[in-house]
Amino acid sequence: MSAPVSSDLAERRRQYSCGDRYVPLSDIPSWLDYNRQRTSAESLVTNNPLAERVSFWRGDITALEVDAIVNAANKSLLGGGGVDGAIHRAAGPELKAECATLGGCETGDAKLTAGYRLPARHVLHTVGPVGERPELLASCYRRCLELARQHRLRSVAFPCVSTGVFGYPQEAAATVALQTVREQLEKDAQLPERVVFCLFLEEDVAAYLRQLPVFFPVKK
């Protein structure tokens, strides 16, 4: 069970480690709205309503004001390099203290904590595979979304799990992420309301822009 989080948004914002650089969900367009803006076609429609429930965003995941961000963690859950270290630094030492009570996490699983000084109210810690193991990577995304539904979380932001030093090819990882998220959203028409793919590297942006139209088409 994660630590309680203040329900007073103004008070929480005063405690954000990023100061006023936070990005509210309302500033992140859905995939459908992104395409409307890019094409200047406000009437653009879709035969896939899931296009309104996913977004991609290039930037710092620790600045996103969503219900939960996902941490690409290691099995100890006690912090590391890359996005893992960035999330722990931004959240503050209380995050590591809570993680120390969880007994670690197995590859493909996920665990929930509070977000502390992050704009995100919670952190979903998941341990991705080393190398290209699609069944385990899919499990990371699936378990995070299962926990999101269990805890009634309306918005979740994912980094690129298992790419970088974990060695998962970016294009293949994007395929697994998008396919798994689509399958999970199809199972539940309500939660989460929005899934954000938060990207950092240009190569990741390119991979998602190639594949988002395949899994979440916007034109009839």
C-alpha atoms as a PDB file:
ATOM      1  CA  MET A   1       0.000   0.000   0.000  1.00  0.00           C
ATOM      2  CA  SER A   2       1.462   3.336  -1.029  1.00  0.00           C
ATOM      3  CA  ALA A   3       1.683   6.304   1.290  1.00  0.00           C
ATOM      4  CA  PRO A   4      -1.252   8.754   1.311  1.00  0.00           C
ATOM      5  CA  VAL A   5      -1.101  11.641  -1.162  1.00  0.00           C
ATOM      6  CA  SER A   6      -2.517  15.092  -0.396  1.00  0.00           C
ATOM      7  CA  SER A   7      -5.760  15.829  -2.222  1.00  0.00           C
ATOM      8  CA  ASP A   8      -5.050  19.583  -2.140  1.00  0.00           C
ATOM      9  CA  LEU A   9      -3.660  20.305  -5.621  1.00  0.00           C
ATOM     10  CA  ALA A  10      -2.440  23.806  -4.766  1.00  0.00           C
ATOM     11  CA  GLU A  11      -0.523  22.439  -1.781  1.00  0.00           C
ATOM     12  CA  ARG A  12       0.954  19.609  -3.827  1.00  0.00           C
ATOM     13  CA  ARG A  13       2.110  22.030  -6.524  1.00  0.00           C
ATOM     14  CA  ARG A  14       4.034  24.036  -3.966  1.00  0.00           C
ATOM     15  CA  GLN A  15       6.016  20.898  -3.176  1.00  0.00           C
ATOM     16  CA  TYR A  16       6.899  19.834  -6.716  1.00  0.00           C
ATOM     17  CA  SER A  17      10.650  19.421  -7.177  1.00  0.00           C
ATOM     18  CA  CYS A  18      10.298  20.833 -10.710  1.00  0.00           C
ATOM     19  CA  GLY A  19       8.723  24.050  -9.453  1.00  0.00           C
ATOM     20  CA  ASP A  20       6.376  25.592 -11.989  1.00  0.00           C
ATOM     21  CA  ARG A  21       7.776  23.555 -14.906  1.00  0.00           C
ATOM     22  CA  TYR A  22       5.134  20.853 -14.480  1.00  0.00           C
ATOM     23  CA  VAL A  23       3.073  19.783 -17.493  1.00  0.00           C
ATOM     24  CA  PRO A  24      -0.638  19.181 -16.765  1.00  0.00           C
ATOM     25  CA  LEU A  25      -2.434  16.480 -18.703  1.00  0.00           C
ATOM     26  CA  SER A  26      -4.587  19.161 -20.345  1.00  0.00           C
ATOM     27  CA  ASP A  27      -1.451  20.404 -22.160  1.00  0.00           C
ATOM     28  CA  ILE A  28      -0.791  16.985 -23.709  1.00  0.00           C
ATOM     29  CA  PRO A  29      -2.976  16.426 -26.778  1.00  0.00           C
ATOM     30  CA  SER A  30      -4.433  13.045 -27.518  1.00  0.00           C
ATOM     31  CA  TRP A  31      -3.161  11.255 -30.605  1.00  0.00           C
ATOM     32  CA  LEU A  32      -6.333  12.306 -32.415  1.00  0.00           C
ATOM     33  CA  ASP A  33      -5.926  15.957 -31.415  1.00  0.00           C
ATOM     34  CA  TYR A  34      -2.240  15.889 -32.351  1.00  0.00           C
ATOM     35  CA  ASN A  35      -3.207  14.833 -35.860  1.00  0.00           C
ATOM     36  CA  ARG A  36      -5.916  17.479 -36.023  1.00  0.00           C
ATOM     37  CA  GLN A  37      -3.380  20.163 -35.067  1.00  0.00           C
ATOM     38  CA  ARG A  38      -0.749  18.883 -37.473  1.00  0.00           C
ATOM     39  CA  THR A  39      -3.117  18.786 -40.440  1.00  0.00           C
ATOM     40  CA  SER A  40      -5.237  21.814 -39.441  1.00  0.00           C
ATOM     41  CA  ALA A  41      -8.216  19.515 -39.888  1.00  0.00           C
ATOM     42  CA  GLU A  42     -10.458  20.090 -36.898  1.00  0.00           C
ATOM     43  CA  SER A  43     -13.051  17.760 -38.421  1.00  0.00           C
ATOM     44  CA  LEU A  44     -10.656  14.816 -38.596  1.00  0.00           C
ATOM     45  CA  VAL A  45     -12.452  11.744 -37.264  1.00  0.00           C
ATOM     46  CA  THR A  46     -11.483   8.209 -36.406  1.00  0.00           C
ATOM     47  CA  ASN A  47     -13.046   4.779 -36.508  1.00  0.00           C
ATOM     48  CA  ASN A  48     -10.862   3.881 -33.506  1.00  0.00           C
ATOM     49  CA  PRO A  49     -11.961   5.735 -30.342  1.00  0.00           C
ATOM     50  CA  LEU A  50      -8.776   4.561 -28.630  1.00  0.00           C
ATOM     51  CA  ALA A  51      -6.962   7.295 -30.585  1.00  0.00           C
ATOM     52  CA  GLU A  52      -8.439   9.717 -28.045  1.00  0.00           C
ATOM     53  CA  ARG A  53      -7.033   7.742 -25.119  1.00  0.00           C
ATOM     54  CA  VAL A  54      -3.353   7.716 -26.089  1.00  0.00           C
ATOM     55  CA  SER A  55      -0.778  10.490 -26.495  1.00  0.00           C
ATOM     56  CA  PHE A  56       2.887  10.831 -27.215  1.00  0.00           C
ATOM     57  CA  TRP A  57       4.975  13.530 -25.589  1.00  0.00           C
ATOM     58  CA  ARG A  58       8.638  14.351 -25.927  1.00  0.00           C
ATOM     59  CA  GLY A  59      10.065  15.672 -22.696  1.00  0.00           C
ATOM     60  CA  ASP A  60      10.867  15.024 -19.057  1.00  0.00           C
ATOM     61  CA  ILE A  61       8.604  12.372 -17.544  1.00  0.00           C
ATOM     62  CA  THR A  62       9.322  13.713 -14.044  1.00  0.00           C
ATOM     63  CA  ALA A  63       7.480  16.938 -14.974  1.00  0.00           C
ATOM     64  CA  LEU A  64       4.202  15.293 -16.010  1.00  0.00           C
ATOM     65  CA  GLU A  65       1.210  16.034 -13.781  1.00  0.00           C
ATOM     66  CA  VAL A  66      -0.665  12.765 -14.263  1.00  0.00           C
ATOM     67  CA  ASP A  67      -2.051  10.155 -11.905  1.00  0.00           C
ATOM     68  CA  ALA A  68       1.007   7.927 -12.361  1.00  0.00           C
ATOM     69  CA  ILE A  69       4.280   7.804 -14.215  1.00  0.00           C
ATOM     70  CA  VAL A  70       6.021   4.520 -14.903  1.00  0.00           C
ATOM     71  CA  ASN A  71       9.576   3.985 -13.719  1.00  0.00           C
ATOM     72  CA  ALA A  72      11.831   1.688 -15.740  1.00  0.00           C
ATOM     73  CA  ALA A  73      13.315   0.240 -12.555  1.00  0.00           C
ATOM     74  CA  ASN A  74      15.758  -2.485 -11.610  1.00  0.00           C
ATOM     75  CA  LYS A  75      14.829  -5.436  -9.427  1.00  0.00           C
ATOM     76  CA  SER A  76      15.864  -3.729  -6.188  1.00  0.00           C
ATOM     77  CA  LEU A  77      13.549  -0.746  -6.817  1.00  0.00           C
ATOM     78  CA  LEU A  78      16.125   1.369  -4.965  1.00  0.00           C
ATOM     79  CA  GLY A  79      17.147   3.589  -7.850  1.00  0.00           C
ATOM     80  CA  GLY A  80      19.688   3.454 -10.634  1.00  0.00           C
ATOM     81  CA  GLY A  81      20.682   5.296 -13.771  1.00  0.00           C
ATOM     82  CA  GLY A  82      18.672   6.866 -16.579  1.00  0.00           C
ATOM     83  CA  VAL A  83      14.983   7.474 -16.005  1.00  0.00           C
ATOM     84  CA  ASP A  84      15.120   5.403 -12.801  1.00  0.00           C
ATOM     85  CA  GLY A  85      17.643   7.740 -11.202  1.00  0.00           C
ATOM     86  CA  ALA A  86      15.854  10.829 -12.498  1.00  0.00           C
ATOM     87  CA  ILE A  87      12.552   9.739 -10.951  1.00  0.00           C
ATOM     88  CA  HIS A  88      14.148   8.962  -7.595  1.00  0.00           C
ATOM     89  CA  ARG A  89      15.964  12.308  -7.523  1.00  0.00           C
ATOM     90  CA  ALA A  90      12.831  14.250  -8.403  1.00  0.00           C
ATOM     91  CA  ALA A  91      10.609  12.373  -5.948  1.00  0.00           C
ATOM     92  CA  GLY A  92      13.008  12.745  -3.032  1.00  0.00           C
ATOM     93  CA  PRO A  93      14.334  10.263  -0.462  1.00  0.00           C
ATOM     94  CA  GLU A  94      10.860   9.241   0.676  1.00  0.00           C
ATOM     95  CA  LEU A  95      10.435   7.283  -2.558  1.00  0.00           C
ATOM     96  CA  LYS A  96      13.479   5.121  -1.884  1.00  0.00           C
ATOM     97  CA  ALA A  97      12.285   4.590   1.693  1.00  0.00           C
ATOM     98  CA  GLU A  98       8.911   3.310   0.495  1.00  0.00           C
ATOM     99  CA  CYS A  99      10.510   1.177  -2.219  1.00  0.00           C
ATOM    100  CA  ALA A 100      12.706  -0.448   0.442  1.00  0.00           C
ATOM    101  CA  THR A 101       9.552  -1.878   2.045  1.00  0.00           C
ATOM    102  CA  LEU A 102       8.360  -3.620  -1.134  1.00  0.00           C
ATOM    103  CA  GLY A 103      10.819  -6.503  -1.325  1.00  0.00           C
ATOM    104  CA  GLY A 104      11.987  -5.717  -4.831  1.00  0.00           C
ATOM    105  CA  CYS A 105      10.210  -6.600  -8.063  1.00  0.00           C
ATOM    106  CA  GLU A 106      10.580  -9.408 -10.593  1.00  0.00           C
ATOM    107  CA  THR A 107      11.131  -8.851 -14.300  1.00  0.00           C
ATOM    108  CA  GLY A 108       7.809  -8.273 -16.030  1.00  0.00           C
ATOM    109  CA  ASP A 109       6.005  -7.276 -12.829  1.00  0.00           C
ATOM    110  CA  ALA A 110       5.118  -3.841 -11.413  1.00  0.00           C
ATOM    111  CA  LYS A 111       4.554  -2.215  -8.012  1.00  0.00           C
ATOM    112  CA  LEU A 112       2.893   1.041  -6.967  1.00  0.00           C
ATOM    113  CA  THR A 113       4.196   3.798  -4.699  1.00  0.00           C
ATOM    114  CA  ALA A 114       3.346   7.405  -3.969  1.00  0.00           C
ATOM    115  CA  GLY A 115       4.956  10.123  -6.084  1.00  0.00           C
ATOM    116  CA  TYR A 116       6.079  12.397  -3.232  1.00  0.00           C
ATOM    117  CA  ARG A 117       7.657  15.545  -4.765  1.00  0.00           C
ATOM    118  CA  LEU A 118       6.790  14.518  -8.321  1.00  0.00           C
ATOM    119  CA  PRO A 119       3.835  16.135 -10.098  1.00  0.00           C
ATOM    120  CA  ALA A 120       2.610  12.564 -10.640  1.00  0.00           C
ATOM    121  CA  ARG A 121       0.556  11.348  -7.699  1.00  0.00           C
ATOM    122  CA  HIS A 122       1.963   7.820  -7.985  1.00  0.00           C
ATOM    123  CA  VAL A 123       4.832   5.869  -9.506  1.00  0.00           C
ATOM    124  CA  LEU A 124       4.388   2.472 -11.122  1.00  0.00           C
ATOM    125  CA  HIS A 125       7.756   0.710 -10.931  1.00  0.00           C
ATOM    126  CA  THR A 126       8.278  -2.007 -13.518  1.00  0.00           C
ATOM    127  CA  VAL A 127      11.331  -4.127 -14.304  1.00  0.00           C
ATOM    128  CA  GLY A 128      11.916  -4.657 -17.995  1.00  0.00           C
ATOM    129  CA  PRO A 129      13.916  -7.482 -19.568  1.00  0.00           C
ATOM    130  CA  VAL A 130      17.523  -7.209 -20.669  1.00  0.00           C
ATOM    131  CA  GLY A 131      17.587  -7.841 -24.398  1.00  0.00           C
ATOM    132  CA  GLU A 132      14.712  -8.604 -26.736  1.00  0.00           C
ATOM    133  CA  ARG A 133      12.171 -10.679 -24.801  1.00  0.00           C
ATOM    134  CA  PRO A 134       8.751  -9.527 -26.007  1.00  0.00           C
ATOM    135  CA  GLU A 135       6.681 -11.631 -23.597  1.00  0.00           C
ATOM    136  CA  LEU A 136       8.364 -10.036 -20.581  1.00  0.00           C
ATOM    137  CA  LEU A 137       8.242  -6.519 -21.988  1.00  0.00           C
ATOM    138  CA  ALA A 138       4.537  -6.913 -22.756  1.00  0.00           C
ATOM    139  CA  SER A 139       4.029  -8.078 -19.176  1.00  0.00           C
ATOM    140  CA  CYS A 140       5.565  -4.804 -17.903  1.00  0.00           C
ATOM    141  CA  TYR A 141       3.004  -2.707 -19.762  1.00  0.00           C
ATOM    142  CA  ARG A 142       0.148  -5.050 -18.941  1.00  0.00           C
ATOM    143  CA  ARG A 143       0.911  -5.174 -15.190  1.00  0.00           C
ATOM    144  CA  CYS A 144       1.210  -1.400 -14.983  1.00  0.00           C
ATOM    145  CA  LEU A 145      -2.198  -0.931 -16.582  1.00  0.00           C
ATOM    146  CA  GLU A 146      -3.736  -3.639 -14.405  1.00  0.00           C
ATOM    147  CA  LEU A 147      -2.500  -1.787 -11.314  1.00  0.00           C
ATOM    148  CA  ALA A 148      -3.761   1.490 -12.761  1.00  0.00           C
ATOM    149  CA  ARG A 149      -7.253   0.048 -13.099  1.00  0.00           C
ATOM    150  CA  GLN A 150      -7.094  -1.541  -9.657  1.00  0.00           C
ATOM    151  CA  HIS A 151      -6.251   1.824  -8.077  1.00  0.00           C
ATOM    152  CA  ARG A 152      -8.643   3.810 -10.279  1.00  0.00           C
ATOM    153  CA  LEU A 153      -5.874   5.830 -11.909  1.00  0.00           C
ATOM    154  CA  ARG A 154      -7.135   7.870 -14.836  1.00  0.00           C
ATOM    155  CA  SER A 155      -3.852   8.790 -16.526  1.00  0.00           C
ATOM    156  CA  VAL A 156      -0.561   6.912 -16.861  1.00  0.00           C
ATOM    157  CA  ALA A 157       2.685   7.954 -18.589  1.00  0.00           C
ATOM    158  CA  PHE A 158       5.212   5.381 -19.811  1.00  0.00           C
ATOM    159  CA  PRO A 159       8.865   5.918 -20.694  1.00  0.00           C
ATOM    160  CA  CYS A 160      10.543   3.579 -23.176  1.00  0.00           C
ATOM    161  CA  VAL A 161      10.946   0.495 -20.987  1.00  0.00           C
ATOM    162  CA  SER A 162      14.039  -1.707 -21.583  1.00  0.00           C
ATOM    163  CA  THR A 163      15.594   0.372 -24.366  1.00  0.00           C
ATOM    164  CA  GLY A 164      18.950   2.081 -23.865  1.00  0.00           C
ATOM    165  CA  VAL A 165      21.332   0.183 -21.585  1.00  0.00           C
ATOM    166  CA  PHE A 166      18.865  -2.717 -21.288  1.00  0.00           C
ATOM    167  CA  GLY A 167      19.478  -3.363 -24.983  1.00  0.00           C
ATOM    168  CA  TYR A 168      15.949  -3.736 -26.353  1.00  0.00           C
ATOM    169  CA  PRO A 169      15.825  -2.440 -29.957  1.00  0.00           C
ATOM    170  CA  GLN A 170      13.776   0.755 -30.056  1.00  0.00           C
ATOM    171  CA  GLU A 171      11.545  -0.131 -32.981  1.00  0.00           C
ATOM    172  CA  ALA A 172      10.742  -3.578 -31.585  1.00  0.00           C
ATOM    173  CA  ALA A 173      10.098  -2.135 -28.119  1.00  0.00           C
ATOM    174  CA  ALA A 174       7.673   0.422 -29.558  1.00  0.00           C
ATOM    175  CA  THR A 175       5.746  -2.368 -31.295  1.00  0.00           C
ATOM    176  CA  VAL A 176       5.341  -4.317 -28.056  1.00  0.00           C
ATOM    177  CA  ALA A 177       4.365  -1.195 -26.097  1.00  0.00           C
ATOM    178  CA  LEU A 178       1.736  -0.017 -28.567  1.00  0.00           C
ATOM    179  CA  GLN A 179       0.248  -3.452 -29.173  1.00  0.00           C
ATOM    180  CA  THR A 180       0.005  -4.251 -25.469  1.00  0.00           C
ATOM    181  CA  VAL A 181      -1.478  -0.889 -24.540  1.00  0.00           C
ATOM    182  CA  ARG A 182      -4.054  -1.184 -27.298  1.00  0.00           C
ATOM    183  CA  GLU A 183      -5.055  -4.670 -26.125  1.00  0.00           C
ATOM    184  CA  GLN A 184      -5.408  -3.450 -22.535  1.00  0.00           C
ATOM    185  CA  LEU A 185      -7.450  -0.371 -23.452  1.00  0.00           C
ATOM    186  CA  GLU A 186      -9.770  -2.534 -25.517  1.00  0.00           C
ATOM    187  CA  LYS A 187     -10.501  -4.569 -22.384  1.00  0.00           C
ATOM    188  CA  ASP A 188     -11.660  -1.557 -20.372  1.00  0.00           C
ATOM    189  CA  ALA A 189     -13.673   1.256 -21.920  1.00  0.00           C
ATOM    190  CA  GLN A 190     -13.062   3.604 -18.984  1.00  0.00           C
ATOM    191  CA  LEU A 191      -9.720   3.198 -17.228  1.00  0.00           C
ATOM    192  CA  PRO A 192      -7.191   4.530 -17.727  1.00  0.00           C
ATOM    193  CA  GLU A 193      -8.691   7.439 -19.616  1.00  0.00           C
ATOM    194  CA  ARG A 194      -5.309   8.446 -21.062  1.00  0.00           C
ATOM    195  CA  VAL A 195      -2.013   6.656 -21.651  1.00  0.00           C
ATOM    196  CA  VAL A 196       0.936   8.905 -22.509  1.00  0.00           C
ATOM    197  CA  PHE A 197       4.061   7.580 -24.220  1.00  0.00           C
ATOM    198  CA  CYS A 198       6.698   9.971 -22.887  1.00  0.00           C
ATOM    199  CA  LEU A 199       9.706   9.917 -25.192  1.00  0.00           C
ATOM    200  CA  PHE A 200      13.136  11.469 -24.889  1.00  0.00           C
ATOM    201  CA  LEU A 201      15.356  10.456 -27.804  1.00  0.00           C
ATOM    202  CA  GLU A 202      14.720  11.436 -31.429  1.00  0.00           C
ATOM    203  CA  GLU A 203      14.966   7.758 -32.409  1.00  0.00           C
ATOM    204  CA  ASP A 204      12.114   6.909 -30.042  1.00  0.00           C
ATOM    205  CA  VAL A 205       9.955   9.732 -31.410  1.00  0.00           C
ATOM    206  CA  ALA A 206      10.556   8.488 -34.952  1.00  0.00           C
ATOM    207  CA  ALA A 207       9.663   4.896 -34.027  1.00  0.00           C
ATOM    208  CA  TYR A 208       6.395   5.921 -32.357  1.00  0.00           C
ATOM    209  CA  LEU A 209       5.383   8.266 -35.165  1.00  0.00           C
ATOM    210  CA  ARG A 210       5.846   5.371 -37.601  1.00  0.00           C
ATOM    211  CA  GLN A 211       3.818   2.927 -35.532  1.00  0.00           C
ATOM    212  CA  LEU A 212       1.091   4.957 -33.804  1.00  0.00           C
ATOM    213  CA  PRO A 213      -0.914   5.218 -37.062  1.00  0.00           C
ATOM    214  CA  VAL A 214      -0.815   1.434 -37.357  1.00  0.00           C
ATOM    215  CA  PHE A 215      -2.153   0.671 -33.880  1.00  0.00           C
ATOM    216  CA  PHE A 216      -4.291   3.803 -33.409  1.00  0.00           C
ATOM    217  CA  PRO A 217      -5.468   4.923 -36.867  1.00  0.00           C
ATOM    218  CA  VAL A 218      -7.138   8.323 -37.014  1.00  0.00           C
ATOM    219  CA  LYS A 219      -8.724   8.427 -40.472  1.00  0.00           C
ATOM    220  CA  LYS A 220     -11.810   6.595 -41.615  1.00  0.00           C
END
